[in-house]
Amino acid sequence: VHSEWLDDIDALKKSHLKFHAEAAYPGGWTKKDGFLIGWDGGGNPMIIDRLTGEVVVEDNDFGGVHVEARSFAEFCLKRV
């Protein structure tokens, strides 16, 4: 799905390892309670929040976690 934004099955493992390694450092990623699905064009992780089901992005330039879509289905429909 939208390969420019989401990892395929082969890339997911590598991305998860990268995300968790970067999250372990002080000042690293903070949104650890979700499932990483890929990276946006700015190098920000795109995550499905396990509690809400929302697709969120943690912004490394401006800070904070921003909702991209209320669900994965809505996210996919936004990108077509």
C-alpha atoms as a PDB file:
ATOM      1  CA  VAL A   1       0.000   0.000   0.000  1.00  0.00           C
ATOM      2  CA  HIS A   2       1.554   3.289  -1.104  1.00  0.00           C
ATOM      3  CA  SER A   3       5.113   1.998  -1.078  1.00  0.00           C
ATOM      4  CA  GLU A   4       6.500   5.518  -0.887  1.00  0.00           C
ATOM      5  CA  TRP A   5       5.087   5.805   2.633  1.00  0.00           C
ATOM      6  CA  LEU A   6       4.657   2.329   4.069  1.00  0.00           C
ATOM      7  CA  ASP A   7       7.165  -0.449   4.485  1.00  0.00           C
ATOM      8  CA  ASP A   8       6.571  -3.713   2.730  1.00  0.00           C
ATOM      9  CA  ILE A   9       6.837  -6.960   4.660  1.00  0.00           C
ATOM     10  CA  ASP A  10      10.561  -7.276   3.936  1.00  0.00           C
ATOM     11  CA  ALA A  11      11.367  -3.753   5.182  1.00  0.00           C
ATOM     12  CA  LEU A  12       9.267  -3.885   8.377  1.00  0.00           C
ATOM     13  CA  LYS A  13      11.778  -5.844  10.456  1.00  0.00           C
ATOM     14  CA  LYS A  14      14.611  -3.481   9.569  1.00  0.00           C
ATOM     15  CA  SER A  15      12.438  -0.435  10.301  1.00  0.00           C
ATOM     16  CA  HIS A  16      11.305  -1.831  13.652  1.00  0.00           C
ATOM     17  CA  LEU A  17      14.914  -2.464  14.664  1.00  0.00           C
ATOM     18  CA  LYS A  18      15.896   1.070  13.579  1.00  0.00           C
ATOM     19  CA  PHE A  19      12.954   2.643  15.435  1.00  0.00           C
ATOM     20  CA  HIS A  20      13.598   0.778  18.697  1.00  0.00           C
ATOM     21  CA  ALA A  21      17.331   1.512  18.552  1.00  0.00           C
ATOM     22  CA  GLU A  22      16.635   5.231  18.071  1.00  0.00           C
ATOM     23  CA  ALA A  23      13.931   5.207  20.785  1.00  0.00           C
ATOM     24  CA  ALA A  24      16.429   3.845  23.317  1.00  0.00           C
ATOM     25  CA  TYR A  25      18.553   7.007  23.219  1.00  0.00           C
ATOM     26  CA  PRO A  26      17.734  10.091  25.333  1.00  0.00           C
ATOM     27  CA  GLY A  27      15.674  12.384  23.170  1.00  0.00           C
ATOM     28  CA  GLY A  28      14.756   9.495  20.872  1.00  0.00           C
ATOM     29  CA  TRP A  29      11.326   8.489  19.661  1.00  0.00           C
ATOM     30  CA  THR A  30       8.677   8.549  22.383  1.00  0.00           C
ATOM     31  CA  LYS A  31       5.664   6.875  20.709  1.00  0.00           C
ATOM     32  CA  LYS A  32       6.526   3.334  21.743  1.00  0.00           C
ATOM     33  CA  ASP A  33       2.977   2.030  22.306  1.00  0.00           C
ATOM     34  CA  GLY A  34       2.144   1.439  18.676  1.00  0.00           C
ATOM     35  CA  PHE A  35       3.002  -0.578  15.598  1.00  0.00           C
ATOM     36  CA  LEU A  36       5.406   1.075  13.181  1.00  0.00           C
ATOM     37  CA  ILE A  37       4.208   0.848   9.568  1.00  0.00           C
ATOM     38  CA  GLY A  38       6.825   3.035   7.865  1.00  0.00           C
ATOM     39  CA  TRP A  39       8.424   6.462   7.625  1.00  0.00           C
ATOM     40  CA  ASP A  40       7.183   9.642   6.036  1.00  0.00           C
ATOM     41  CA  GLY A  41       9.253  11.674   3.579  1.00  0.00           C
ATOM     42  CA  GLY A  42      10.817  13.631   6.462  1.00  0.00           C
ATOM     43  CA  GLY A  43      12.098  10.561   8.294  1.00  0.00           C
ATOM     44  CA  ASN A  44       9.293  10.569  10.873  1.00  0.00           C
ATOM     45  CA  PRO A  45       7.877   7.232  12.017  1.00  0.00           C
ATOM     46  CA  MET A  46       4.318   6.401  11.006  1.00  0.00           C
ATOM     47  CA  ILE A  47       2.632   4.291  13.676  1.00  0.00           C
ATOM     48  CA  ILE A  48      -0.715   2.642  14.310  1.00  0.00           C
ATOM     49  CA  ASP A  49      -1.627   3.486  17.901  1.00  0.00           C
ATOM     50  CA  ARG A  50      -2.535   0.220  19.647  1.00  0.00           C
ATOM     51  CA  LEU A  51      -5.086   1.878  21.939  1.00  0.00           C
ATOM     52  CA  THR A  52      -6.976   4.063  19.466  1.00  0.00           C
ATOM     53  CA  GLY A  53      -6.259   2.477  16.076  1.00  0.00           C
ATOM     54  CA  GLU A  54      -5.257   5.887  14.732  1.00  0.00           C
ATOM     55  CA  VAL A  55      -2.369   6.324  12.319  1.00  0.00           C
ATOM     56  CA  VAL A  56      -0.022   8.845  13.906  1.00  0.00           C
ATOM     57  CA  VAL A  57       3.291  10.465  13.024  1.00  0.00           C
ATOM     58  CA  GLU A  58       5.911  11.517  15.549  1.00  0.00           C
ATOM     59  CA  ASP A  59       7.494  14.688  14.191  1.00  0.00           C
ATOM     60  CA  ASN A  60      11.254  14.954  14.678  1.00  0.00           C
ATOM     61  CA  ASP A  61      11.400  18.605  13.527  1.00  0.00           C
ATOM     62  CA  PHE A  62       8.491  20.229  15.349  1.00  0.00           C
ATOM     63  CA  GLY A  63       7.934  17.665  18.095  1.00  0.00           C
ATOM     64  CA  GLY A  64       4.790  15.945  19.186  1.00  0.00           C
ATOM     65  CA  VAL A  65       2.653  13.182  17.810  1.00  0.00           C
ATOM     66  CA  HIS A  66       0.099  14.105  15.165  1.00  0.00           C
ATOM     67  CA  VAL A  67      -2.921  12.114  13.978  1.00  0.00           C
ATOM     68  CA  GLU A  68      -2.802  11.398  10.241  1.00  0.00           C
ATOM     69  CA  ALA A  69      -6.008   9.356  10.125  1.00  0.00           C
ATOM     70  CA  ARG A  70      -8.553   7.885  12.524  1.00  0.00           C
ATOM     71  CA  SER A  71      -7.911   4.365  11.195  1.00  0.00           C
ATOM     72  CA  PHE A  72      -5.629   2.476   8.829  1.00  0.00           C
ATOM     73  CA  ALA A  73      -8.499   2.199   6.340  1.00  0.00           C
ATOM     74  CA  GLU A  74      -9.004   5.977   6.412  1.00  0.00           C
ATOM     75  CA  PHE A  75      -5.259   6.467   5.990  1.00  0.00           C
ATOM     76  CA  CYS A  76      -5.226   4.259   2.881  1.00  0.00           C
ATOM     77  CA  LEU A  77      -8.175   6.112   1.377  1.00  0.00           C
ATOM     78  CA  LYS A  78      -6.532   9.494   2.014  1.00  0.00           C
ATOM     79  CA  ARG A  79      -3.473   8.511   0.025  1.00  0.00           C
ATOM     80  CA  VAL A  80      -5.171   7.591  -3.260  1.00  0.00           C
END
